[in-house]
N, C-alpha and C. Protein backbone atom coordinates (compact mmCIF):
# COMPACT_ATOMS: atom_id res chain seq x y z
N MET A 1 0.90 -1.35 -0.12
CA MET A 1 0.05 -0.15 -0.05
C MET A 1 0.72 1.18 -0.11
N GLY A 2 0.48 2.25 -0.72
CA GLY A 2 1.56 3.91 -0.65
C GLY A 2 1.23 4.23 0.48
N THR A 3 2.04 5.69 0.57
CA THR A 3 2.25 5.63 1.52
C THR A 3 0.48 7.16 1.54
N ARG A 4 0.70 7.64 0.37
CA ARG A 4 -0.81 8.22 0.18
C ARG A 4 -1.89 7.38 0.62
N ARG A 5 -2.55 6.46 0.37
CA ARG A 5 -3.31 5.27 0.17
C ARG A 5 -3.34 5.25 2.13
N ALA A 6 -2.34 4.75 2.53
CA ALA A 6 -2.34 4.58 4.20
C ALA A 6 -2.55 5.89 4.96
N ALA A 7 -2.56 6.80 4.47
CA ALA A 7 -2.53 8.31 4.95
C ALA A 7 -4.11 8.05 4.89
N ARG A 8 -4.51 8.32 3.87
CA ARG A 8 -6.23 8.31 3.56
C ARG A 8 -6.93 7.52 4.83
N GLU A 9 -6.31 6.17 4.80
CA GLU A 9 -7.14 5.03 5.69
C GLU A 9 -7.07 5.39 6.68
N LEU A 10 -5.44 6.04 7.46
CA LEU A 10 -5.78 6.52 8.83
C LEU A 10 -6.55 7.84 8.91
N ALA A 11 -6.48 8.75 8.13
CA ALA A 11 -7.65 9.65 8.38
C ALA A 11 -8.72 9.53 8.16
N LEU A 12 -9.35 8.10 7.71
CA LEU A 12 -10.77 8.04 7.48
C LEU A 12 -11.02 7.33 8.92
N GLN A 13 -10.14 6.02 9.67
CA GLN A 13 -10.30 5.90 11.11
C GLN A 13 -10.61 6.76 11.99
N PHE A 14 -9.24 7.89 12.02
CA PHE A 14 -9.56 8.87 12.98
C PHE A 14 -11.39 9.90 12.76
N LEU A 15 -11.54 10.34 11.46
CA LEU A 15 -12.34 11.39 11.19
C LEU A 15 -13.64 9.94 11.79
N PHE A 16 -13.65 8.90 11.28
CA PHE A 16 -14.97 7.90 11.97
C PHE A 16 -14.90 7.87 13.16
N GLN A 17 -13.85 7.79 14.08
CA GLN A 17 -14.14 7.64 15.64
C GLN A 17 -14.42 9.19 15.90
N GLN A 18 -13.91 10.27 15.26
CA GLN A 18 -14.53 11.40 15.81
C GLN A 18 -15.94 11.61 15.56
N GLU A 19 -16.59 11.18 14.87
CA GLU A 19 -17.82 11.34 14.74
C GLU A 19 -18.60 11.04 15.98
N PHE A 20 -18.21 9.81 16.81
CA PHE A 20 -18.92 9.44 17.93
C PHE A 20 -18.24 10.25 19.47
N SER A 21 -17.57 10.93 19.08
CA SER A 21 -17.12 11.59 20.20
C SER A 21 -17.21 13.02 20.39
N ASN A 22 -17.33 13.67 21.70
CA ASN A 22 -17.04 14.83 22.25
C ASN A 22 -15.97 15.21 22.58
N ASP A 23 -14.82 14.40 22.10
CA ASP A 23 -13.71 14.95 22.82
C ASP A 23 -12.83 16.22 21.74
N ASP A 24 -11.97 16.98 22.46
CA ASP A 24 -11.36 18.28 21.69
C ASP A 24 -10.28 17.20 20.35
N PRO A 25 -10.84 17.52 19.08
CA PRO A 25 -10.20 16.79 18.28
C PRO A 25 -8.70 16.69 18.50
N GLU A 26 -7.85 18.11 19.05
CA GLU A 26 -6.86 17.84 18.98
C GLU A 26 -6.16 16.80 20.22
N ALA A 27 -7.06 16.83 21.48
CA ALA A 27 -6.87 15.50 22.35
C ALA A 27 -6.92 14.17 21.87
N SER A 28 -7.82 14.21 20.98
CA SER A 28 -8.39 12.68 20.40
C SER A 28 -7.13 12.77 19.37
N LEU A 29 -6.54 13.52 18.50
CA LEU A 29 -5.66 13.31 17.75
C LEU A 29 -4.26 12.82 18.20
N TYR A 30 -4.21 13.46 19.67
CA TYR A 30 -2.96 12.71 20.24
C TYR A 30 -2.98 11.21 20.76
N ALA A 31 -4.00 11.26 21.05
CA ALA A 31 -4.45 9.70 21.81
C ALA A 31 -4.68 8.53 20.45
N PHE A 32 -4.47 9.37 19.33
CA PHE A 32 -4.92 8.60 18.23
C PHE A 32 -3.73 8.03 17.40
N TRP A 33 -2.74 8.86 17.55
CA TRP A 33 -0.88 8.72 17.45
C TRP A 33 -0.48 7.68 18.54
N ARG A 34 -0.80 7.92 19.62
CA ARG A 34 -0.16 7.26 20.79
C ARG A 34 -0.66 5.67 20.62
N GLU A 35 -1.69 5.86 19.88
CA GLU A 35 -1.73 4.09 19.86
C GLU A 35 -1.41 3.77 18.60
N ARG A 36 -0.94 4.44 17.88
CA ARG A 36 -0.58 3.73 16.38
C ARG A 36 1.28 4.23 16.31
N LYS A 37 1.84 3.50 15.64
CA LYS A 37 3.58 3.33 15.58
C LYS A 37 3.37 3.93 14.36
N VAL A 38 3.13 5.37 13.65
CA VAL A 38 2.88 5.80 12.20
C VAL A 38 3.98 7.20 12.77
N SER A 39 4.76 7.12 11.33
CA SER A 39 5.56 8.26 11.49
C SER A 39 5.92 8.34 9.96
N GLY A 40 6.63 9.67 9.90
CA GLY A 40 7.48 9.78 8.39
C GLY A 40 6.05 10.48 7.82
N LYS A 41 6.11 10.21 6.56
CA LYS A 41 5.20 10.55 5.81
C LYS A 41 3.76 10.73 5.27
N VAL A 42 4.00 9.31 6.24
CA VAL A 42 2.23 8.75 6.34
C VAL A 42 1.20 9.64 7.09
N ARG A 43 2.04 9.78 8.26
CA ARG A 43 1.44 10.61 9.45
C ARG A 43 1.64 12.29 8.91
N GLU A 44 2.33 12.75 8.34
CA GLU A 44 2.47 14.23 7.73
C GLU A 44 1.29 14.19 6.73
N PHE A 45 0.84 13.05 6.18
CA PHE A 45 0.15 13.59 5.17
C PHE A 45 -1.62 13.48 5.86
N ALA A 46 -1.69 11.74 6.47
CA ALA A 46 -3.04 11.83 7.31
C ALA A 46 -3.41 13.19 8.16
N GLU A 47 -2.44 13.48 8.96
CA GLU A 47 -2.63 14.61 9.58
C GLU A 47 -3.22 16.41 8.99
N LYS A 48 -2.16 16.28 7.59
CA LYS A 48 -2.89 17.22 6.58
C LYS A 48 -4.06 16.93 6.49
N LEU A 49 -4.55 15.98 6.16
CA LEU A 49 -5.71 15.21 5.64
C LEU A 49 -6.87 15.86 7.23
N ILE A 50 -6.74 15.33 8.01
CA ILE A 50 -7.74 15.15 9.28
C ILE A 50 -7.65 16.99 9.53
N ARG A 51 -6.70 17.57 10.12
CA ARG A 51 -6.78 19.19 10.24
C ARG A 51 -7.57 19.78 8.67
N GLY A 52 -7.00 19.68 7.89
CA GLY A 52 -7.71 20.46 6.99
C GLY A 52 -9.57 19.77 6.82
N VAL A 53 -10.16 18.49 6.72
CA VAL A 53 -11.31 17.82 7.04
C VAL A 53 -11.97 18.84 7.99
N ILE A 54 -11.34 18.46 9.07
CA ILE A 54 -11.93 19.52 10.29
C ILE A 54 -12.02 20.73 10.19
N ARG A 55 -11.17 21.55 9.62
CA ARG A 55 -10.98 22.94 9.65
C ARG A 55 -11.87 23.72 8.44
N SER A 56 -12.38 22.73 7.31
CA SER A 56 -12.66 23.06 6.54
C SER A 56 -14.20 22.60 6.05
N ARG A 57 -14.50 21.78 7.40
CA ARG A 57 -15.77 20.78 7.17
C ARG A 57 -16.74 21.56 6.72
N ASP A 58 -17.45 23.09 7.26
CA ASP A 58 -18.59 23.62 6.65
C ASP A 58 -18.86 23.66 5.08
N GLU A 59 -17.50 24.05 4.69
CA GLU A 59 -17.50 23.99 3.23
C GLU A 59 -17.54 23.07 2.68
N ILE A 60 -17.00 21.80 3.03
CA ILE A 60 -16.89 20.45 2.34
C ILE A 60 -18.31 19.77 2.58
N ASP A 61 -18.87 20.32 3.97
CA ASP A 61 -20.22 19.55 3.80
C ASP A 61 -21.42 20.13 2.95
N ARG A 62 -21.25 21.55 2.59
CA ARG A 62 -22.07 22.23 1.88
C ARG A 62 -22.12 21.31 0.15
N LEU A 63 -20.59 21.67 0.00
CA LEU A 63 -20.61 21.22 -1.31
C LEU A 63 -20.76 19.36 -1.46
N LEU A 64 -20.56 18.95 -0.09
CA LEU A 64 -21.42 17.56 -0.30
C LEU A 64 -22.58 17.43 -0.74
N GLU A 65 -23.18 18.10 0.50
CA GLU A 65 -25.03 17.85 0.26
C GLU A 65 -25.26 18.41 -1.12
N LYS A 66 -24.89 19.61 -1.55
CA LYS A 66 -25.12 20.00 -2.74
C LYS A 66 -24.77 19.03 -3.97
N CYS A 67 -24.04 18.23 -3.78
CA CYS A 67 -23.66 17.14 -4.78
C CYS A 67 -24.46 15.79 -4.90
N ALA A 68 -25.29 15.67 -3.38
CA ALA A 68 -25.28 14.43 -2.98
C ALA A 68 -26.92 14.35 -3.70
N ASP A 69 -27.52 14.96 -4.49
CA ASP A 69 -28.70 14.65 -4.68
C ASP A 69 -29.86 14.16 -3.67
N ASN A 70 -30.21 14.64 -3.08
CA ASN A 70 -31.39 14.23 -1.99
C ASN A 70 -30.88 13.70 -0.69
N TRP A 71 -29.72 13.49 -0.58
CA TRP A 71 -29.00 13.10 0.47
C TRP A 71 -28.74 13.65 1.83
N ALA A 72 -29.48 13.91 2.45
CA ALA A 72 -28.75 14.44 3.65
C ALA A 72 -27.80 14.33 4.09
N LEU A 73 -26.79 14.86 4.81
CA LEU A 73 -25.40 14.17 5.79
C LEU A 73 -26.04 12.88 6.42
N GLU A 74 -26.73 13.57 7.36
CA GLU A 74 -27.20 12.52 8.17
C GLU A 74 -27.56 11.37 7.95
N ARG A 75 -28.28 11.08 6.68
CA ARG A 75 -28.72 9.91 5.83
C ARG A 75 -27.33 8.76 5.22
N MET A 76 -26.23 9.76 5.23
CA MET A 76 -25.71 8.89 4.70
C MET A 76 -24.97 8.07 5.78
N GLY A 77 -23.85 7.02 5.18
CA GLY A 77 -23.44 6.42 5.80
C GLY A 77 -22.05 6.95 6.75
N THR A 78 -21.51 6.35 7.49
CA THR A 78 -20.41 7.21 8.31
C THR A 78 -19.59 7.65 7.64
N VAL A 79 -18.99 5.93 7.06
CA VAL A 79 -17.66 5.70 6.46
C VAL A 79 -17.84 6.46 5.44
N GLU A 80 -18.85 6.43 4.36
CA GLU A 80 -19.08 7.13 3.22
C GLU A 80 -18.83 8.77 3.26
N ARG A 81 -19.66 9.10 4.27
CA ARG A 81 -19.42 10.66 4.20
C ARG A 81 -18.34 10.68 4.46
N ASN A 82 -17.35 10.22 5.65
CA ASN A 82 -15.94 10.88 5.51
C ASN A 82 -14.83 9.92 4.48
N VAL A 83 -15.09 9.50 3.90
CA VAL A 83 -14.17 9.35 2.87
C VAL A 83 -14.42 10.10 1.68
N MET A 84 -16.20 10.87 1.23
CA MET A 84 -15.84 11.62 0.61
C MET A 84 -15.46 13.42 1.14
N ARG A 85 -15.43 13.59 2.54
CA ARG A 85 -15.01 14.43 3.31
C ARG A 85 -13.64 14.55 3.16
N ILE A 86 -13.12 13.39 2.77
CA ILE A 86 -11.14 13.68 2.43
C ILE A 86 -11.11 13.73 1.65
N ALA A 87 -11.57 13.55 0.38
CA ALA A 87 -11.83 13.33 -1.19
C ALA A 87 -12.11 15.13 -1.34
N LEU A 88 -12.89 15.40 -0.98
CA LEU A 88 -13.29 16.97 -1.09
C LEU A 88 -12.33 17.98 -0.72
N TYR A 89 -11.65 17.58 0.43
CA TYR A 89 -10.58 18.43 0.99
C TYR A 89 -9.74 18.34 -0.03
N GLU A 90 -8.66 17.15 -0.46
CA GLU A 90 -8.45 16.91 -1.37
C GLU A 90 -8.14 17.78 -2.78
N MET A 91 -9.41 17.78 -3.31
CA MET A 91 -9.76 18.62 -4.34
C MET A 91 -10.24 20.15 -4.64
N LEU A 92 -10.23 20.05 -3.27
CA LEU A 92 -10.57 21.77 -2.83
C LEU A 92 -8.98 22.63 -2.54
N SER A 93 -8.26 21.83 -1.72
CA SER A 93 -6.81 22.13 -1.33
C SER A 93 -5.39 21.60 -1.38
N CYS A 94 -5.46 20.48 -2.26
CA CYS A 94 -4.53 19.84 -2.48
C CYS A 94 -3.99 19.89 -4.02
N ASP A 95 -3.31 21.08 -4.52
CA ASP A 95 -3.29 21.09 -6.04
C ASP A 95 -2.25 20.14 -6.37
N ASP A 96 -1.41 19.59 -5.66
CA ASP A 96 -0.58 18.62 -6.34
C ASP A 96 -1.43 16.93 -6.59
N ILE A 97 -2.37 16.94 -6.23
CA ILE A 97 -3.20 15.66 -6.59
C ILE A 97 -4.04 16.04 -7.50
N PRO A 98 -3.95 15.23 -8.61
CA PRO A 98 -5.33 15.16 -9.58
C PRO A 98 -6.55 14.73 -9.03
N LEU A 99 -7.51 15.74 -9.56
CA LEU A 99 -8.55 15.72 -9.02
C LEU A 99 -9.32 14.06 -9.33
N VAL A 100 -9.30 13.42 -10.51
CA VAL A 100 -9.38 12.31 -10.92
C VAL A 100 -9.02 11.37 -9.77
N VAL A 101 -7.63 11.37 -9.29
CA VAL A 101 -6.95 10.90 -8.63
C VAL A 101 -7.45 10.65 -7.25
N SER A 102 -8.03 11.72 -6.40
CA SER A 102 -8.71 11.65 -5.36
C SER A 102 -10.06 11.18 -5.30
N ILE A 103 -10.89 11.39 -6.65
CA ILE A 103 -11.98 10.34 -6.60
C ILE A 103 -11.81 8.80 -6.59
N ASP A 104 -10.82 8.56 -7.56
CA ASP A 104 -10.39 6.92 -7.60
C ASP A 104 -10.09 6.27 -6.44
N GLU A 105 -9.53 7.15 -5.70
CA GLU A 105 -8.88 6.66 -4.16
C GLU A 105 -10.11 6.71 -3.59
N ALA A 106 -11.04 7.39 -3.27
CA ALA A 106 -12.14 7.76 -2.39
C ALA A 106 -13.18 6.22 -2.76
N VAL A 107 -13.06 6.33 -4.07
CA VAL A 107 -13.83 4.82 -4.68
C VAL A 107 -13.41 3.35 -4.21
N ASP A 108 -12.07 3.31 -4.11
CA ASP A 108 -11.53 2.16 -3.79
C ASP A 108 -11.32 2.05 -2.45
N ILE A 109 -11.62 3.41 -1.35
CA ILE A 109 -11.56 3.08 -0.26
C ILE A 109 -13.36 2.71 0.57
N ALA A 110 -14.17 3.43 -0.42
CA ALA A 110 -15.29 2.96 -0.24
C ALA A 110 -15.81 1.77 -0.14
N LYS A 111 -15.24 1.22 -1.37
CA LYS A 111 -15.47 -0.24 -1.81
C LYS A 111 -14.93 -1.17 -0.85
N GLU A 112 -13.62 -0.97 -0.56
CA GLU A 112 -12.77 -1.72 0.38
C GLU A 112 -13.65 -2.03 1.92
N PHE A 113 -14.00 -0.23 2.43
CA PHE A 113 -13.97 -0.64 3.63
C PHE A 113 -15.97 -0.82 3.40
N CYS A 114 -16.85 -0.63 2.77
CA CYS A 114 -18.15 -0.49 2.75
C CYS A 114 -18.62 -1.84 1.72
N ASP A 115 -19.03 -1.51 0.69
CA ASP A 115 -19.50 -2.75 -0.38
C ASP A 115 -19.52 -1.58 -2.01
N ARG A 116 -19.45 -2.72 -2.76
CA ARG A 116 -19.45 -1.89 -4.45
C ARG A 116 -20.53 -1.08 -4.40
N GLU A 117 -21.29 -0.84 -4.05
CA GLU A 117 -22.73 -0.02 -4.05
C GLU A 117 -22.35 1.40 -3.18
N SER A 118 -21.79 1.43 -2.24
CA SER A 118 -20.94 2.41 -1.85
C SER A 118 -20.17 3.16 -2.69
N GLY A 119 -19.15 2.21 -3.32
CA GLY A 119 -18.14 2.80 -4.02
C GLY A 119 -19.18 3.57 -5.02
N GLN A 120 -19.97 2.90 -5.68
CA GLN A 120 -20.67 3.61 -6.96
C GLN A 120 -21.70 5.07 -6.55
N PHE A 121 -21.82 4.94 -4.98
CA PHE A 121 -22.30 6.40 -4.24
C PHE A 121 -21.59 7.40 -4.62
N VAL A 122 -20.25 6.86 -3.79
CA VAL A 122 -19.28 7.89 -3.66
C VAL A 122 -18.78 8.54 -5.06
N ASN A 123 -19.00 7.69 -6.28
CA ASN A 123 -18.29 7.89 -7.42
C ASN A 123 -19.40 8.60 -8.02
N GLY A 124 -20.61 8.90 -7.59
CA GLY A 124 -21.54 9.75 -8.24
C GLY A 124 -21.10 11.01 -7.61
N VAL A 125 -21.33 11.09 -6.70
CA VAL A 125 -21.48 12.34 -5.95
C VAL A 125 -19.95 13.19 -5.98
N LEU A 126 -19.01 12.46 -5.98
CA LEU A 126 -17.51 12.94 -6.37
C LEU A 126 -17.49 13.43 -7.43
N ASP A 127 -18.26 12.88 -8.85
CA ASP A 127 -18.24 13.07 -10.19
C ASP A 127 -19.15 14.48 -10.13
N ARG A 128 -20.02 14.59 -9.67
CA ARG A 128 -20.80 15.97 -9.52
C ARG A 128 -20.23 17.12 -9.14
N ALA A 129 -19.37 16.83 -7.79
CA ALA A 129 -18.50 17.77 -7.17
C ALA A 129 -17.29 18.04 -8.34
N LEU A 130 -16.94 17.26 -8.83
CA LEU A 130 -16.00 17.42 -9.79
C LEU A 130 -16.76 18.54 -10.84
N ALA A 131 -17.37 18.36 -11.41
CA ALA A 131 -18.07 19.34 -12.61
C ALA A 131 -18.46 20.51 -11.89
N GLU A 132 -18.98 20.52 -10.57
CA GLU A 132 -19.14 21.82 -10.05
C GLU A 132 -17.65 22.52 -9.79
N LEU A 133 -16.75 21.96 -9.33
CA LEU A 133 -15.49 22.51 -9.41
C LEU A 133 -14.68 22.97 -10.45
N THR A 134 -15.21 22.13 -11.64
CA THR A 134 -14.31 22.75 -13.08
C THR A 134 -15.37 23.58 -14.06
N GLY A 135 -16.42 24.01 -13.40
CA GLY A 135 -17.08 24.46 -14.25
C GLY A 135 -17.93 23.52 -15.59
N GLY A 136 -18.11 21.80 -14.86
CA GLY A 136 -18.34 21.20 -16.03
C GLY A 136 -17.59 19.83 -16.77
N GLY A 137 -16.21 20.48 -16.60
CA GLY A 137 -15.19 19.90 -17.02
C GLY A 137 -14.35 18.58 -16.15
N GLU A 138 -13.56 18.34 -16.82
CA GLU A 138 -12.65 16.96 -16.67
C GLU A 138 -11.62 17.61 -16.17
N SER A 139 -10.60 17.06 -15.49
CA SER A 139 -9.45 17.53 -14.78
C SER A 139 -8.96 16.42 -15.29
């Protein structure tokens, strides 16, 4: 597994946990890393994703709801919702990652942690987000 893929999966694990916690994200993040032996580029990129999603969550969630065609955030599965948050953060803020790579990674992770239908749902929502962000074109 590549560095960025491992980081995305760690970010997903943290964001998933955080959905069920009222703890301060910083304290939770400290505890999260204490329980895992991860360092270097994997941890660096995972932290970038985690902090970015937390910081930009309102903007990300507005875009997610806009592109999710009649799906309120609360109706989405927790894993799918957070997979898409990570991808949307990348699409909005990580210029070094091609938009389609963020989508492909999110679809693969959704299939791995959920099922094929989840992958299709994530793909559809993120394709609409791609069109929204690029004015209807492809990246």
